[in-house]
Amino acid sequence: MQLWVGLGNPGPQYAMNRHNVGFMALDVIADMHGFGAVQKKFQGWVQEGRLGTEKVILLKPATYMNESGRSVGEAMRFYKMDLSALTVFHDELDLAPFKVKVKTGGGTAGHNGLRSIDQHLGADFRRVRIGIGHPGHKDRVTGYVLGNYAKSEEDDLATMLGAISAEADWLAKGDDVRFMSDVALRQQD
């Protein structure tokens, strides 16, 4: 069993924020792969389903970004999982917009959601880094990540989210390289 966490902030006012792209990715995966109904658990929203032969639990913490670790920690303890079962989908300033990279472990790069999970559980979990690009100056970061995707970006966003979902089986199987490669190929079409 695996726990996939999408990072974001709860509430309709945040729905299209760049910071909520982790929530968006999980929503598309749940939709495309016929996951079960949303349940309120672990201070968040949970959906269960299968990707290939793997049982996957999707979790969107309702704690706001900087307290995500509370929700994730509660779910991990309930299911008696170790960090190897955890995958976190999050926005990444240091990647070009719509680029998708996977890595295990590492720093938080100032990301409050990652910092919270790291504080609660440690750093050795898999991350699906979803590029949002950098606004150019650190003083503009907060407004940028909490800003909505522009109308002109919506097609690229939909293509990327569709590619992540379509190739999610590879991620569930642990083939991160094939996942990244196939997502990139789908985005070129």
Protein backbone atom coordinates (compact mmCIF):
# COMPACT_ATOMS: atom_id res chain seq x y z
CA MET A 1 0.00 0.00 0.00
CA GLN A 2 1.20 3.51 -0.83
CA LEU A 3 0.21 6.97 0.41
CA TRP A 4 0.28 9.73 -2.20
CA VAL A 5 -0.07 13.23 -0.80
CA GLY A 6 -0.89 16.34 -2.80
CA LEU A 7 0.12 19.60 -1.19
CA GLY A 8 -2.12 22.65 -1.33
CA ASN A 9 -4.30 24.96 0.72
CA PRO A 10 -7.99 24.20 1.38
CA GLY A 11 -10.73 26.47 0.08
CA PRO A 12 -12.04 27.63 -3.28
CA GLN A 13 -10.02 30.85 -3.19
CA TYR A 14 -6.81 28.74 -3.50
CA ALA A 15 -8.07 26.21 -6.05
CA MET A 16 -6.14 27.57 -9.06
CA ASN A 17 -3.04 28.78 -7.16
CA ARG A 18 0.31 27.50 -8.39
CA HIS A 19 0.89 26.36 -4.78
CA ASN A 20 -2.09 23.98 -5.15
CA VAL A 21 -0.80 22.01 -8.13
CA GLY A 22 -0.26 19.00 -5.82
CA PHE A 23 -4.00 18.98 -5.04
CA MET A 24 -4.75 19.30 -8.75
CA ALA A 25 -2.54 16.32 -9.64
CA LEU A 26 -4.32 14.07 -7.12
CA ASP A 27 -7.75 15.19 -8.33
CA VAL A 28 -6.91 14.21 -11.92
CA ILE A 29 -5.40 10.86 -10.85
CA ALA A 30 -8.52 10.06 -8.78
CA ASP A 31 -10.78 11.01 -11.71
CA MET A 32 -8.91 9.18 -14.47
CA HIS A 33 -8.35 6.01 -12.45
CA GLY A 34 -11.80 5.72 -10.85
CA PHE A 35 -10.78 6.13 -7.22
CA GLY A 36 -13.48 5.83 -4.55
CA ALA A 37 -15.52 8.59 -2.97
CA VAL A 38 -13.80 11.31 -0.95
CA GLN A 39 -13.75 10.64 2.79
CA LYS A 40 -12.82 13.11 5.53
CA LYS A 41 -9.94 11.52 7.49
CA PHE A 42 -6.55 12.40 8.95
CA GLN A 43 -7.32 16.14 8.95
CA GLY A 44 -7.76 15.97 5.19
CA TRP A 45 -9.56 14.33 2.27
CA VAL A 46 -8.82 10.72 1.35
CA GLN A 47 -9.63 8.60 -1.68
CA GLU A 48 -8.66 4.95 -2.16
CA GLY A 49 -8.04 3.11 -5.38
CA ARG A 50 -5.66 1.01 -7.44
CA LEU A 51 -2.98 1.82 -9.95
CA GLY A 52 -2.17 -1.43 -11.67
CA THR A 53 -1.68 -3.95 -8.89
CA GLU A 54 -0.83 -1.32 -6.27
CA LYS A 55 -3.31 -0.05 -3.69
CA VAL A 56 -2.88 3.71 -3.40
CA ILE A 57 -4.40 6.10 -0.88
CA LEU A 58 -4.60 9.71 -2.01
CA LEU A 59 -4.49 12.37 0.72
CA LYS A 60 -5.04 16.11 0.43
CA PRO A 61 -4.30 17.66 3.85
CA ALA A 62 -6.89 20.24 4.96
CA THR A 63 -4.44 21.74 7.46
CA TYR A 64 -3.05 24.49 5.22
CA MET A 65 0.36 24.06 3.69
CA ASN A 66 2.54 24.84 6.71
CA GLU A 67 0.85 22.14 8.85
CA SER A 68 0.70 19.37 6.19
CA GLY A 69 2.96 17.13 8.27
CA ARG A 70 0.28 16.70 10.96
CA SER A 71 -2.17 15.21 8.47
CA VAL A 72 0.45 13.09 6.67
CA GLY A 73 1.90 11.83 9.96
CA GLU A 74 -1.54 10.79 11.20
CA ALA A 75 -2.21 8.77 8.02
CA MET A 76 1.25 7.16 8.05
CA ARG A 77 0.84 6.05 11.66
CA PHE A 78 -2.70 4.76 11.07
CA TYR A 79 -1.59 2.58 8.14
CA LYS A 80 1.73 1.67 9.85
CA MET A 81 3.71 2.80 6.80
CA ASP A 82 7.35 3.74 6.59
CA LEU A 83 8.69 6.60 4.47
CA SER A 84 9.30 4.34 1.46
CA ALA A 85 5.49 4.19 0.98
CA LEU A 86 5.09 7.99 0.85
CA THR A 87 5.02 10.11 -2.32
CA VAL A 88 4.39 13.86 -2.10
CA PHE A 89 3.25 15.94 -5.11
CA HIS A 90 4.22 19.60 -4.78
CA ASP A 91 4.98 22.82 -6.63
CA GLU A 92 8.66 23.52 -7.32
CA LEU A 93 10.03 27.04 -7.92
CA ASP A 94 13.39 25.69 -9.12
CA LEU A 95 11.92 23.83 -12.11
CA ALA A 96 10.67 25.40 -15.33
CA PRO A 97 6.87 25.61 -15.55
CA PHE A 98 5.20 22.24 -16.26
CA LYS A 99 8.42 20.20 -15.93
CA VAL A 100 7.97 17.12 -13.74
CA LYS A 101 10.84 15.51 -11.82
CA VAL A 102 10.90 12.78 -9.19
CA LYS A 103 13.45 12.43 -6.43
CA THR A 104 13.72 10.81 -3.02
CA GLY A 105 14.92 12.81 -0.05
CA GLY A 106 16.62 16.17 -0.12
CA GLY A 107 16.00 19.58 1.33
CA THR A 108 12.82 21.60 1.49
CA ALA A 109 14.01 24.59 -0.61
CA GLY A 110 11.88 26.86 1.58
CA HIS A 111 8.67 24.94 0.80
CA ASN A 112 6.54 25.07 3.95
CA GLY A 113 4.59 21.91 3.15
CA LEU A 114 7.77 19.87 2.66
CA ARG A 115 9.31 21.45 5.77
CA SER A 116 6.29 20.39 7.85
CA ILE A 117 6.38 16.79 6.58
CA ASP A 118 10.15 16.67 7.11
CA GLN A 119 9.72 17.87 10.72
CA HIS A 120 7.04 15.27 11.45
CA LEU A 121 8.47 12.26 9.58
CA GLY A 122 11.97 12.90 8.23
CA ALA A 123 13.19 13.76 4.73
CA ASP A 124 13.55 10.38 3.01
CA PHE A 125 10.28 10.32 1.09
CA ARG A 126 9.68 10.43 -2.66
CA ARG A 127 8.71 13.79 -4.13
CA VAL A 128 7.02 14.52 -7.45
CA ARG A 129 8.31 18.02 -8.13
CA ILE A 130 5.97 19.97 -10.41
CA GLY A 131 7.67 22.99 -11.93
CA ILE A 132 6.05 26.40 -11.57
CA GLY A 133 9.12 28.48 -12.43
CA HIS A 134 10.51 31.35 -10.39
CA PRO A 135 9.17 34.92 -10.54
CA GLY A 136 12.73 36.28 -10.73
CA HIS A 137 13.16 37.87 -7.31
CA LYS A 138 12.68 36.35 -3.84
CA ASP A 139 10.47 39.28 -2.76
CA ARG A 140 7.90 38.22 -5.38
CA VAL A 141 7.77 34.51 -4.47
CA THR A 142 4.83 34.57 -2.04
CA GLY A 143 2.53 36.48 -4.37
CA TYR A 144 3.60 34.28 -7.27
CA VAL A 145 3.00 30.89 -5.63
CA LEU A 146 -0.29 32.08 -4.14
CA GLY A 147 -1.30 33.54 -7.51
CA ASN A 148 -3.53 31.69 -9.95
CA TYR A 149 -2.30 30.12 -13.14
CA ALA A 150 -2.78 32.56 -16.03
CA LYS A 151 -5.41 31.81 -18.70
CA SER A 152 -2.55 31.38 -21.18
CA GLU A 153 -1.09 28.57 -19.01
CA GLU A 154 -4.28 26.52 -18.62
CA ASP A 155 -3.75 24.30 -21.69
CA ASP A 156 -0.18 23.44 -20.62
CA LEU A 157 -1.42 22.81 -17.07
CA ALA A 158 -4.16 20.45 -18.29
CA THR A 159 -1.69 18.61 -20.56
CA MET A 160 0.80 18.18 -17.72
CA LEU A 161 -1.81 17.00 -15.20
CA GLY A 162 -3.21 14.57 -17.78
CA ALA A 163 0.29 13.22 -18.47
CA ILE A 164 1.02 12.75 -14.75
CA SER A 165 -2.23 10.83 -14.34
CA ALA A 166 -1.84 8.75 -17.50
CA GLU A 167 1.64 7.61 -16.44
CA ALA A 168 0.85 7.19 -12.72
CA ASP A 169 1.07 3.39 -12.99
CA TRP A 170 4.84 3.70 -13.51
CA LEU A 171 5.12 5.77 -10.36
CA ALA A 172 3.09 3.18 -8.42
CA LYS A 173 5.45 0.44 -9.69
CA GLY A 174 8.46 2.45 -8.50
CA ASP A 175 9.80 3.16 -12.00
CA ASP A 176 10.44 6.87 -11.50
CA VAL A 177 12.65 7.17 -14.60
CA ARG A 178 10.03 5.69 -16.92
CA PHE A 179 7.36 7.90 -15.30
CA MET A 180 9.39 11.08 -15.91
CA SER A 181 10.30 10.05 -19.45
CA ASP A 182 6.73 9.17 -20.46
CA VAL A 183 5.29 12.33 -18.88
CA ALA A 184 7.80 14.42 -20.87
CA LEU A 185 6.92 12.54 -24.09
CA ARG A 186 3.20 13.13 -23.60
CA GLN A 187 3.84 16.84 -23.11
CA GLN A 188 5.64 17.04 -26.47
CA ASP A 189 2.67 15.72 -28.47
